Structures are given as structure tokens and as C-alpha cells.
Amino acid sequence: MSTPADSSSAASSTRTIHALVSGRVQGVGFRWSCMEEGERLGLVGEVRNLDDGDVEVLAKGPSLAVGELIGWLHRGPRWASVSRVLVTDLSEGAVTRTAFVMGN
């Protein structure tokens, strides 16, 4: 049984992730939409295109918000067609950005 204190500590814990998103994710506004979603969720990090056609995302913030971003990555913007999302948890210091930015 969860108590309010349990929920509060889960909401305030920090999570840092690296995600690779595959499918039709370049040329469809994925980076821009991901940056907006990351900002909306109060996260910091970066989203960028990779030469192989995937999109790479680094994100850090409250665990629940990072979980919401992961859910969004599986859908992407309406023009995208996501076929796979690989998520790896990283150490907290792995992301040093102070905002959520779009690379390349």
C-alpha cells in the first residue's frame, strides 16, 4: 500500500536516460516535438539525429516525468512512425545540460 510520503519520494527521485528511437523519425518534426515535450515535462537533455536514421535522446529529471517522455517516444509526433525505442538508464551526472535542447 502506497502512502503519500511514498508517492512524494517517487515523484521527486531523479532519473537519467539514453534512448534510441527507430522508425520513420527523421524529417517528420520528431526532434522539435521531443524538445517541446521535454520542456513541457520540465526535463533537461538533448535530442539529435543520428547518421543511421535513428534519433538519440538524453534526458534527466523527475522519474515520473522521464517515464512520461519515454511513453511519448513510443508514439512521437503524428507524422512519425516509431518501430523501436531502446532505453538505458544512466548515472545522474551523465547529462549536464541545463535545458532541453535540439542538437544537429
PDB file of N, CA and C in Angstrom:
ATOM      1  N   MET A   1       0.840  -1.178   0.000  1.00  0.00           N
ATOM      2  CA  MET A   1       0.000   0.000   0.000  1.00  0.00           C
ATOM      3  C   MET A   1       0.885   1.241   0.000  1.00  0.00           C
ATOM      4  N   SER A   2       0.580   2.159  -0.891  1.00  0.00           N
ATOM      5  CA  SER A   2       1.371   3.377  -1.033  1.00  0.00           C
ATOM      6  C   SER A   2       0.825   4.465  -0.120  1.00  0.00           C
ATOM      7  N   THR A   3       1.731   5.159   0.522  1.00  0.00           N
ATOM      8  CA  THR A   3       1.326   6.291   1.348  1.00  0.00           C
ATOM      9  C   THR A   3       1.694   7.570   0.635  1.00  0.00           C
ATOM     10  N   PRO A   4       1.136   8.705   1.047  1.00  0.00           N
ATOM     11  CA  PRO A   4       1.509   9.970   0.407  1.00  0.00           C
ATOM     12  C   PRO A   4       3.017  10.224   0.439  1.00  0.00           C
ATOM     13  N   ALA A   5       3.683   9.830   1.501  1.00  0.00           N
ATOM     14  CA  ALA A   5       5.125  10.030   1.582  1.00  0.00           C
ATOM     15  C   ALA A   5       5.834   9.202   0.512  1.00  0.00           C
ATOM     16  N   ASP A   6       5.345   7.956   0.272  1.00  0.00           N
ATOM     17  CA  ASP A   6       5.931   7.110  -0.756  1.00  0.00           C
ATOM     18  C   ASP A   6       5.774   7.749  -2.127  1.00  0.00           C
ATOM     19  N   SER A   7       4.601   8.251  -2.429  1.00  0.00           N
ATOM     20  CA  SER A   7       4.343   8.878  -3.717  1.00  0.00           C
ATOM     21  C   SER A   7       5.213  10.110  -3.893  1.00  0.00           C
ATOM     22  N   SER A   8       5.367  10.873  -2.826  1.00  0.00           N
ATOM     23  CA  SER A   8       6.166  12.095  -2.900  1.00  0.00           C
ATOM     24  C   SER A   8       7.621  11.775  -3.187  1.00  0.00           C
ATOM     25  N   SER A   9       8.182  10.764  -2.537  1.00  0.00           N
ATOM     26  CA  SER A   9       9.586  10.452  -2.764  1.00  0.00           C
ATOM     27  C   SER A   9       9.776   9.863  -4.150  1.00  0.00           C
ATOM     28  N   ALA A  10       8.820   9.098  -4.667  1.00  0.00           N
ATOM     29  CA  ALA A  10       8.925   8.566  -6.024  1.00  0.00           C
ATOM     30  C   ALA A  10       8.865   9.700  -7.033  1.00  0.00           C
ATOM     31  N   ALA A  11       8.026  10.685  -6.787  1.00  0.00           N
ATOM     32  CA  ALA A  11       7.876  11.803  -7.712  1.00  0.00           C
ATOM     33  C   ALA A  11       9.123  12.677  -7.711  1.00  0.00           C
ATOM     34  N   SER A  12       9.814  12.743  -6.587  1.00  0.00           N
ATOM     35  CA  SER A  12      10.958  13.641  -6.502  1.00  0.00           C
ATOM     36  C   SER A  12      12.279  12.957  -6.860  1.00  0.00           C
ATOM     37  N   SER A  13      12.299  11.625  -7.024  1.00  0.00           N
ATOM     38  CA  SER A  13      13.543  10.968  -7.393  1.00  0.00           C
ATOM     39  C   SER A  13      13.903  11.325  -8.835  1.00  0.00           C
ATOM     40  N   THR A  14      15.185  11.372  -9.110  1.00  0.00           N
ATOM     41  CA  THR A  14      15.669  11.776 -10.425  1.00  0.00           C
ATOM     42  C   THR A  14      16.054  10.553 -11.241  1.00  0.00           C
ATOM     43  N   ARG A  15      15.769  10.622 -12.539  1.00  0.00           N
ATOM     44  CA  ARG A  15      16.133   9.549 -13.458  1.00  0.00           C
ATOM     45  C   ARG A  15      16.822  10.172 -14.662  1.00  0.00           C
ATOM     46  N   THR A  16      17.861   9.507 -15.147  1.00  0.00           N
ATOM     47  CA  THR A  16      18.592   9.947 -16.326  1.00  0.00           C
ATOM     48  C   THR A  16      18.599   8.801 -17.330  1.00  0.00           C
ATOM     49  N   ILE A  17      18.240   9.091 -18.584  1.00  0.00           N
ATOM     50  CA  ILE A  17      18.160   8.032 -19.593  1.00  0.00           C
ATOM     51  C   ILE A  17      18.863   8.409 -20.889  1.00  0.00           C
ATOM     52  N   HIS A  18      19.206   7.376 -21.623  1.00  0.00           N
ATOM     53  CA  HIS A  18      19.641   7.472 -23.019  1.00  0.00           C
ATOM     54  C   HIS A  18      18.633   6.635 -23.791  1.00  0.00           C
ATOM     55  N   ALA A  19      18.062   7.183 -24.859  1.00  0.00           N
ATOM     56  CA  ALA A  19      17.101   6.435 -25.671  1.00  0.00           C
ATOM     57  C   ALA A  19      17.483   6.522 -27.135  1.00  0.00           C
ATOM     58  N   LEU A  20      17.337   5.413 -27.839  1.00  0.00           N
ATOM     59  CA  LEU A  20      17.480   5.361 -29.288  1.00  0.00           C
ATOM     60  C   LEU A  20      16.107   5.050 -29.854  1.00  0.00           C
ATOM     61  N   VAL A  21      15.641   5.912 -30.750  1.00  0.00           N
ATOM     62  CA  VAL A  21      14.312   5.767 -31.338  1.00  0.00           C
ATOM     63  C   VAL A  21      14.483   5.447 -32.816  1.00  0.00           C
ATOM     64  N   SER A  22      13.872   4.341 -33.258  1.00  0.00           N
ATOM     65  CA  SER A  22      13.987   3.891 -34.648  1.00  0.00           C
ATOM     66  C   SER A  22      12.637   3.960 -35.335  1.00  0.00           C
ATOM     67  N   GLY A  23      12.695   3.977 -36.649  1.00  0.00           N
ATOM     68  CA  GLY A  23      11.492   4.030 -37.471  1.00  0.00           C
ATOM     69  C   GLY A  23      11.566   5.233 -38.395  1.00  0.00           C
ATOM     70  N   ARG A  24      10.395   5.737 -38.780  1.00  0.00           N
ATOM     71  CA  ARG A  24      10.364   6.968 -39.579  1.00  0.00           C
ATOM     72  C   ARG A  24      10.352   8.130 -38.594  1.00  0.00           C
ATOM     73  N   VAL A  25      11.557   8.524 -38.161  1.00  0.00           N
ATOM     74  CA  VAL A  25      11.685   9.515 -37.092  1.00  0.00           C
ATOM     75  C   VAL A  25      12.554  10.712 -37.482  1.00  0.00           C
ATOM     76  N   GLN A  26      13.040  10.733 -38.713  1.00  0.00           N
ATOM     77  CA  GLN A  26      13.773  11.904 -39.198  1.00  0.00           C
ATOM     78  C   GLN A  26      12.977  12.529 -40.346  1.00  0.00           C
ATOM     79  N   GLY A  27      12.969  13.864 -40.378  1.00  0.00           N
ATOM     80  CA  GLY A  27      12.231  14.572 -41.414  1.00  0.00           C
ATOM     81  C   GLY A  27      10.742  14.682 -41.143  1.00  0.00           C
ATOM     82  N   VAL A  28      10.348  14.389 -39.903  1.00  0.00           N
ATOM     83  CA  VAL A  28       8.921  14.420 -39.546  1.00  0.00           C
ATOM     84  C   VAL A  28       8.657  15.293 -38.317  1.00  0.00           C
ATOM     85  N   GLY A  29       9.635  16.125 -37.934  1.00  0.00           N
ATOM     86  CA  GLY A  29       9.461  17.003 -36.781  1.00  0.00           C
ATOM     87  C   GLY A  29       9.672  16.325 -35.443  1.00  0.00           C
ATOM     88  N   PHE A  30      10.315  15.160 -35.456  1.00  0.00           N
ATOM     89  CA  PHE A  30      10.488  14.411 -34.205  1.00  0.00           C
ATOM     90  C   PHE A  30      11.329  15.178 -33.195  1.00  0.00           C
ATOM     91  N   ARG A  31      12.484  15.706 -33.638  1.00  0.00           N
ATOM     92  CA  ARG A  31      13.363  16.410 -32.691  1.00  0.00           C
ATOM     93  C   ARG A  31      12.665  17.620 -32.082  1.00  0.00           C
ATOM     94  N   TRP A  32      12.035  18.412 -32.905  1.00  0.00           N
ATOM     95  CA  TRP A  32      11.348  19.611 -32.424  1.00  0.00           C
ATOM     96  C   TRP A  32      10.250  19.240 -31.422  1.00  0.00           C
ATOM     97  N   SER A  33       9.439  18.264 -31.791  1.00  0.00           N
ATOM     98  CA  SER A  33       8.344  17.845 -30.910  1.00  0.00           C
ATOM     99  C   SER A  33       8.866  17.251 -29.612  1.00  0.00           C
ATOM    100  N   CYS A  34       9.965  16.489 -29.693  1.00  0.00           N
ATOM    101  CA  CYS A  34      10.561  15.892 -28.498  1.00  0.00           C
ATOM    102  C   CYS A  34      11.105  16.978 -27.577  1.00  0.00           C
ATOM    103  N   MET A  35      11.756  17.987 -28.172  1.00  0.00           N
ATOM    104  CA  MET A  35      12.273  19.095 -27.366  1.00  0.00           C
ATOM    105  C   MET A  35      11.126  19.808 -26.646  1.00  0.00           C
ATOM    106  N   GLU A  36      10.027  20.050 -27.351  1.00  0.00           N
ATOM    107  CA  GLU A  36       8.872  20.695 -26.726  1.00  0.00           C
ATOM    108  C   GLU A  36       8.292  19.839 -25.605  1.00  0.00           C
ATOM    109  N   GLU A  37       8.223  18.528 -25.832  1.00  0.00           N
ATOM    110  CA  GLU A  37       7.700  17.613 -24.809  1.00  0.00           C
ATOM    111  C   GLU A  37       8.621  17.590 -23.596  1.00  0.00           C
ATOM    112  N   GLY A  38       9.926  17.533 -23.826  1.00  0.00           N
ATOM    113  CA  GLY A  38      10.888  17.561 -22.726  1.00  0.00           C
ATOM    114  C   GLY A  38      10.768  18.841 -21.917  1.00  0.00           C
ATOM    115  N   GLU A  39      10.639  19.976 -22.603  1.00  0.00           N
ATOM    116  CA  GLU A  39      10.464  21.256 -21.903  1.00  0.00           C
ATOM    117  C   GLU A  39       9.165  21.272 -21.110  1.00  0.00           C
ATOM    118  N   ARG A  40       8.083  20.778 -21.728  1.00  0.00           N
ATOM    119  CA  ARG A  40       6.778  20.751 -21.052  1.00  0.00           C
ATOM    120  C   ARG A  40       6.842  19.933 -19.768  1.00  0.00           C
ATOM    121  N   LEU A  41       7.633  18.865 -19.790  1.00  0.00           N
ATOM    122  CA  LEU A  41       7.756  17.980 -18.634  1.00  0.00           C
ATOM    123  C   LEU A  41       8.785  18.469 -17.618  1.00  0.00           C
ATOM    124  N   GLY A  42       9.498  19.560 -17.927  1.00  0.00           N
ATOM    125  CA  GLY A  42      10.492  20.105 -17.010  1.00  0.00           C
ATOM    126  C   GLY A  42      11.799  19.337 -16.989  1.00  0.00           C
ATOM    127  N   LEU A  43      12.123  18.677 -18.104  1.00  0.00           N
ATOM    128  CA  LEU A  43      13.344  17.883 -18.185  1.00  0.00           C
ATOM    129  C   LEU A  43      14.483  18.690 -18.780  1.00  0.00           C
ATOM    130  N   VAL A  44      15.696  18.201 -18.606  1.00  0.00           N
ATOM    131  CA  VAL A  44      16.869  18.734 -19.290  1.00  0.00           C
ATOM    132  C   VAL A  44      17.457  17.609 -20.123  1.00  0.00           C
ATOM    133  N   GLY A  45      18.145  17.982 -21.202  1.00  0.00           N
ATOM    134  CA  GLY A  45      18.742  16.963 -22.045  1.00  0.00           C
ATOM    135  C   GLY A  45      18.908  17.429 -23.463  1.00  0.00           C
ATOM    136  N   GLU A  46      18.958  16.451 -24.380  1.00  0.00           N
ATOM    137  CA  GLU A  46      19.213  16.755 -25.782  1.00  0.00           C
ATOM    138  C   GLU A  46      18.566  15.692 -26.658  1.00  0.00           C
ATOM    139  N   VAL A  47      18.110  16.114 -27.831  1.00  0.00           N
ATOM    140  CA  VAL A  47      17.610  15.187 -28.839  1.00  0.00           C
ATOM    141  C   VAL A  47      18.327  15.507 -30.144  1.00  0.00           C
ATOM    142  N   ARG A  48      18.817  14.458 -30.833  1.00  0.00           N
ATOM    143  CA  ARG A  48      19.541  14.702 -32.080  1.00  0.00           C
ATOM    144  C   ARG A  48      19.374  13.532 -33.043  1.00  0.00           C
ATOM    145  N   ASN A  49      19.532  13.847 -34.332  1.00  0.00           N
ATOM    146  CA  ASN A  49      19.504  12.832 -35.373  1.00  0.00           C
ATOM    147  C   ASN A  49      20.839  12.100 -35.417  1.00  0.00           C
ATOM    148  N   LEU A  50      20.782  10.818 -35.731  1.00  0.00           N
ATOM    149  CA  LEU A  50      21.981  10.020 -35.956  1.00  0.00           C
ATOM    150  C   LEU A  50      22.090   9.704 -37.447  1.00  0.00           C
ATOM    151  N   ASP A  51      23.297   9.447 -37.905  1.00  0.00           N
ATOM    152  CA  ASP A  51      23.537   9.174 -39.321  1.00  0.00           C
ATOM    153  C   ASP A  51      22.796   7.938 -39.829  1.00  0.00           C
ATOM    154  N   ASP A  52      22.483   6.995 -38.927  1.00  0.00           N
ATOM    155  CA  ASP A  52      21.810   5.759 -39.350  1.00  0.00           C
ATOM    156  C   ASP A  52      20.296   5.901 -39.464  1.00  0.00           C
ATOM    157  N   GLY A  53      19.760   7.112 -39.237  1.00  0.00           N
ATOM    158  CA  GLY A  53      18.321   7.339 -39.356  1.00  0.00           C
ATOM    159  C   GLY A  53      17.577   7.312 -38.038  1.00  0.00           C
ATOM    160  N   ASP A  54      18.245   6.904 -36.969  1.00  0.00           N
ATOM    161  CA  ASP A  54      17.625   6.901 -35.640  1.00  0.00           C
ATOM    162  C   ASP A  54      17.695   8.296 -35.031  1.00  0.00           C
ATOM    163  N   VAL A  55      16.976   8.464 -33.935  1.00  0.00           N
ATOM    164  CA  VAL A  55      17.051   9.682 -33.125  1.00  0.00           C
ATOM    165  C   VAL A  55      17.551   9.271 -31.745  1.00  0.00           C
ATOM    166  N   GLU A  56      18.487  10.057 -31.219  1.00  0.00           N
ATOM    167  CA  GLU A  56      19.057   9.802 -29.897  1.00  0.00           C
ATOM    168  C   GLU A  56      18.524  10.844 -28.921  1.00  0.00           C
ATOM    169  N   VAL A  57      18.126  10.392 -27.738  1.00  0.00           N
ATOM    170  CA  VAL A  57      17.601  11.286 -26.714  1.00  0.00           C
ATOM    171  C   VAL A  57      18.350  11.035 -25.409  1.00  0.00           C
ATOM    172  N   LEU A  58      18.823  12.112 -24.788  1.00  0.00           N
ATOM    173  CA  LEU A  58      19.367  12.081 -23.432  1.00  0.00           C
ATOM    174  C   LEU A  58      18.439  12.954 -22.598  1.00  0.00           C
ATOM    175  N   ALA A  59      17.973  12.449 -21.487  1.00  0.00           N
ATOM    176  CA  ALA A  59      17.029  13.218 -20.675  1.00  0.00           C
ATOM    177  C   ALA A  59      17.246  12.948 -19.199  1.00  0.00           C
ATOM    178  N   LYS A  60      17.035  14.003 -18.401  1.00  0.00           N
ATOM    179  CA  LYS A  60      17.177  13.898 -16.945  1.00  0.00           C
ATOM    180  C   LYS A  60      16.094  14.737 -16.290  1.00  0.00           C
ATOM    181  N   GLY A  61      15.550  14.203 -15.210  1.00  0.00           N
ATOM    182  CA  GLY A  61      14.550  14.938 -14.451  1.00  0.00           C
ATOM    183  C   GLY A  61      13.814  14.011 -13.501  1.00  0.00           C
ATOM    184  N   PRO A  62      12.693  14.484 -12.968  1.00  0.00           N
ATOM    185  CA  PRO A  62      11.914  13.644 -12.065  1.00  0.00           C
ATOM    186  C   PRO A  62      11.520  12.324 -12.750  1.00  0.00           C
ATOM    187  N   SER A  63      11.618  11.239 -12.009  1.00  0.00           N
ATOM    188  CA  SER A  63      11.365   9.904 -12.573  1.00  0.00           C
ATOM    189  C   SER A  63      10.035   9.811 -13.305  1.00  0.00           C
ATOM    190  N   LEU A  64       8.992  10.355 -12.721  1.00  0.00           N
ATOM    191  CA  LEU A  64       7.669  10.260 -13.359  1.00  0.00           C
ATOM    192  C   LEU A  64       7.645  11.016 -14.682  1.00  0.00           C
ATOM    193  N   ALA A  65       8.281  12.173 -14.733  1.00  0.00           N
ATOM    194  CA  ALA A  65       8.321  12.959 -15.965  1.00  0.00           C
ATOM    195  C   ALA A  65       9.148  12.248 -17.033  1.00  0.00           C
ATOM    196  N   VAL A  66      10.262  11.643 -16.645  1.00  0.00           N
ATOM    197  CA  VAL A  66      11.070  10.887 -17.597  1.00  0.00           C
ATOM    198  C   VAL A  66      10.256   9.708 -18.129  1.00  0.00           C
ATOM    199  N   GLY A  67       9.499   9.065 -17.266  1.00  0.00           N
ATOM    200  CA  GLY A  67       8.621   7.977 -17.703  1.00  0.00           C
ATOM    201  C   GLY A  67       7.586   8.447 -18.713  1.00  0.00           C
ATOM    202  N   GLU A  68       7.058   9.643 -18.509  1.00  0.00           N
ATOM    203  CA  GLU A  68       6.108  10.208 -19.472  1.00  0.00           C
ATOM    204  C   GLU A  68       6.785  10.464 -20.807  1.00  0.00           C
ATOM    205  N   LEU A  69       8.016  10.966 -20.782  1.00  0.00           N
ATOM    206  CA  LEU A  69       8.739  11.193 -22.030  1.00  0.00           C
ATOM    207  C   LEU A  69       8.973   9.870 -22.752  1.00  0.00           C
ATOM    208  N   ILE A  70       9.340   8.828 -22.033  1.00  0.00           N
ATOM    209  CA  ILE A  70       9.544   7.515 -22.654  1.00  0.00           C
ATOM    210  C   ILE A  70       8.260   7.051 -23.335  1.00  0.00           C
ATOM    211  N   GLY A  71       7.129   7.231 -22.680  1.00  0.00           N
ATOM    212  CA  GLY A  71       5.851   6.890 -23.299  1.00  0.00           C
ATOM    213  C   GLY A  71       5.628   7.677 -24.574  1.00  0.00           C
ATOM    214  N   TRP A  72       5.962   8.976 -24.542  1.00  0.00           N
ATOM    215  CA  TRP A  72       5.809   9.826 -25.714  1.00  0.00           C
ATOM    216  C   TRP A  72       6.734   9.352 -26.837  1.00  0.00           C
ATOM    217  N   LEU A  73       7.970   8.933 -26.500  1.00  0.00           N
ATOM    218  CA  LEU A  73       8.911   8.472 -27.520  1.00  0.00           C
ATOM    219  C   LEU A  73       8.355   7.293 -28.310  1.00  0.00           C
ATOM    220  N   HIS A  74       7.551   6.463 -27.682  1.00  0.00           N
ATOM    221  CA  HIS A  74       6.954   5.313 -28.368  1.00  0.00           C
ATOM    222  C   HIS A  74       5.911   5.753 -29.388  1.00  0.00           C
ATOM    223  N   ARG A  75       5.370   6.952 -29.238  1.00  0.00           N
ATOM    224  CA  ARG A  75       4.369   7.483 -30.167  1.00  0.00           C
ATOM    225  C   ARG A  75       4.975   8.507 -31.112  1.00  0.00           C
ATOM    226  N   GLY A  76       5.709   9.481 -30.565  1.00  0.00           N
ATOM    227  CA  GLY A  76       6.270  10.570 -31.346  1.00  0.00           C
ATOM    228  C   GLY A  76       5.180  11.490 -31.861  1.00  0.00           C
ATOM    229  N   PRO A  77       5.556  12.443 -32.717  1.00  0.00           N
ATOM    230  CA  PRO A  77       4.563  13.333 -33.311  1.00  0.00           C
ATOM    231  C   PRO A  77       3.725  12.570 -34.346  1.00  0.00           C
ATOM    232  N   ARG A  78       2.644  13.137 -34.769  1.00  0.00           N
ATOM    233  CA  ARG A  78       1.699  12.399 -35.622  1.00  0.00           C
ATOM    234  C   ARG A  78       2.300  11.956 -36.958  1.00  0.00           C
ATOM    235  N   TRP A  79       3.334  12.609 -37.452  1.00  0.00           N
ATOM    236  CA  TRP A  79       3.929  12.247 -38.735  1.00  0.00           C
ATOM    237  C   TRP A  79       4.944  11.127 -38.605  1.00  0.00           C
ATOM    238  N   ALA A  80       5.351  10.811 -37.404  1.00  0.00           N
ATOM    239  CA  ALA A  80       6.360   9.770 -37.184  1.00  0.00           C
ATOM    240  C   ALA A  80       5.718   8.389 -37.157  1.00  0.00           C
ATOM    241  N   SER A  81       6.544   7.394 -37.393  1.00  0.00           N
ATOM    242  CA  SER A  81       6.135   6.004 -37.244  1.00  0.00           C
ATOM    243  C   SER A  81       7.261   5.306 -36.487  1.00  0.00           C
ATOM    244  N   VAL A  82       7.096   5.177 -35.179  1.00  0.00           N
ATOM    245  CA  VAL A  82       8.139   4.618 -34.314  1.00  0.00           C
ATOM    246  C   VAL A  82       8.044   3.096 -34.338  1.00  0.00           C
ATOM    247  N   SER A  83       9.176   2.447 -34.639  1.00  0.00           N
ATOM    248  CA  SER A  83       9.193   0.988 -34.658  1.00  0.00           C
ATOM    249  C   SER A  83       9.880   0.392 -33.427  1.00  0.00           C
ATOM    250  N   ARG A  84      10.783   1.176 -32.802  1.00  0.00           N
ATOM    251  CA  ARG A  84      11.507   0.638 -31.640  1.00  0.00           C
ATOM    252  C   ARG A  84      12.067   1.777 -30.804  1.00  0.00           C
ATOM    253  N   VAL A  85      12.030   1.592 -29.482  1.00  0.00           N
ATOM    254  CA  VAL A  85      12.653   2.525 -28.545  1.00  0.00           C
ATOM    255  C   VAL A  85      13.495   1.704 -27.575  1.00  0.00           C
ATOM    256  N   LEU A  86      14.796   1.958 -27.557  1.00  0.00           N
ATOM    257  CA  LEU A  86      15.699   1.287 -26.619  1.00  0.00           C
ATOM    258  C   LEU A  86      16.117   2.295 -25.562  1.00  0.00           C
ATOM    259  N   VAL A  87      15.807   2.004 -24.311  1.00  0.00           N
ATOM    260  CA  VAL A  87      16.093   2.933 -23.213  1.00  0.00           C
ATOM    261  C   VAL A  87      17.124   2.314 -22.282  1.00  0.00           C
ATOM    262  N   THR A  88      18.141   3.107 -21.952  1.00  0.00           N
ATOM    263  CA  THR A  88      19.170   2.704 -20.995  1.00  0.00           C
ATOM    264  C   THR A  88      19.221   3.746 -19.889  1.00  0.00           C
ATOM    265  N   ASP A  89      19.174   3.304 -18.647  1.00  0.00           N
ATOM    266  CA  ASP A  89      19.335   4.228 -17.527  1.00  0.00           C
ATOM    267  C   ASP A  89      20.813   4.564 -17.370  1.00  0.00           C
ATOM    268  N   LEU A  90      21.079   5.836 -17.103  1.00  0.00           N
ATOM    269  CA  LEU A  90      22.444   6.333 -16.934  1.00  0.00           C
ATOM    270  C   LEU A  90      22.631   6.875 -15.520  1.00  0.00           C
ATOM    271  N   SER A  91      23.883   7.117 -15.160  1.00  0.00           N
ATOM    272  CA  SER A  91      24.148   7.751 -13.868  1.00  0.00           C
ATOM    273  C   SER A  91      23.660   9.200 -13.937  1.00  0.00           C
ATOM    274  N   GLU A  92      23.322   9.750 -12.797  1.00  0.00           N
ATOM    275  CA  GLU A  92      22.732  11.085 -12.749  1.00  0.00           C
ATOM    276  C   GLU A  92      23.626  12.140 -13.392  1.00  0.00           C
ATOM    277  N   GLY A  93      24.936  12.021 -13.267  1.00  0.00           N
ATOM    278  CA  GLY A  93      25.850  13.020 -13.806  1.00  0.00           C
ATOM    279  C   GLY A  93      26.075  12.923 -15.308  1.00  0.00           C
ATOM    280  N   ALA A  94      25.444  11.959 -15.976  1.00  0.00           N
ATOM    281  CA  ALA A  94      25.674  11.750 -17.406  1.00  0.00           C
ATOM    282  C   ALA A  94      25.095  12.871 -18.273  1.00  0.00           C
ATOM    283  N   VAL A  95      24.097  13.578 -17.785  1.00  0.00           N
ATOM    284  CA  VAL A  95      23.507  14.692 -18.526  1.00  0.00           C
ATOM    285  C   VAL A  95      23.802  15.972 -17.757  1.00  0.00           C
ATOM    286  N   THR A  96      24.521  16.896 -18.403  1.00  0.00           N
ATOM    287  CA  THR A  96      24.921  18.135 -17.725  1.00  0.00           C
ATOM    288  C   THR A  96      24.214  19.365 -18.280  1.00  0.00           C
ATOM    289  N   ARG A  97      23.326  19.174 -19.215  1.00  0.00           N
ATOM    290  CA  ARG A  97      22.583  20.305 -19.784  1.00  0.00           C
ATOM    291  C   ARG A  97      21.747  20.978 -18.713  1.00  0.00           C
ATOM    292  N   THR A  98      21.425  22.255 -18.959  1.00  0.00           N
ATOM    293  CA  THR A  98      20.547  22.997 -18.045  1.00  0.00           C
ATOM    294  C   THR A  98      19.209  23.313 -18.689  1.00  0.00           C
ATOM    295  N   ALA A  99      19.001  22.808 -19.914  1.00  0.00           N
ATOM    296  CA  ALA A  99      17.744  22.973 -20.634  1.00  0.00           C
ATOM    297  C   ALA A  99      17.581  21.746 -21.529  1.00  0.00           C
ATOM    298  N   PHE A 100      16.430  21.628 -22.165  1.00  0.00           N
ATOM    299  CA  PHE A 100      16.224  20.547 -23.132  1.00  0.00           C
ATOM    300  C   PHE A 100      16.443  21.145 -24.512  1.00  0.00           C
ATOM    301  N   VAL A 101      17.471  20.678 -25.224  1.00  0.00           N
ATOM    302  CA  VAL A 101      17.869  21.302 -26.482  1.00  0.00           C
ATOM    303  C   VAL A 101      17.833  20.306 -27.634  1.00  0.00           C
ATOM    304  N   MET A 102      17.790  20.876 -28.848  1.00  0.00           N
ATOM    305  CA  MET A 102      17.821  20.077 -30.052  1.00  0.00           C
ATOM    306  C   MET A 102      19.204  20.193 -30.660  1.00  0.00           C
ATOM    307  N   GLY A 103      19.867  19.055 -30.852  1.00  0.00           N
ATOM    308  CA  GLY A 103      21.172  19.045 -31.485  1.00  0.00           C
ATOM    309  C   GLY A 103      21.055  18.878 -32.980  1.00  0.00           C
ATOM    310  N   ASN A 104      22.161  18.995 -33.665  1.00  0.00           N
ATOM    311  CA  ASN A 104      22.313  18.927 -35.114  1.00  0.00           C
ATOM    312  C   ASN A 104      21.019  19.203 -35.820  1.00  0.00           C
TER     313      ASN A 104
END
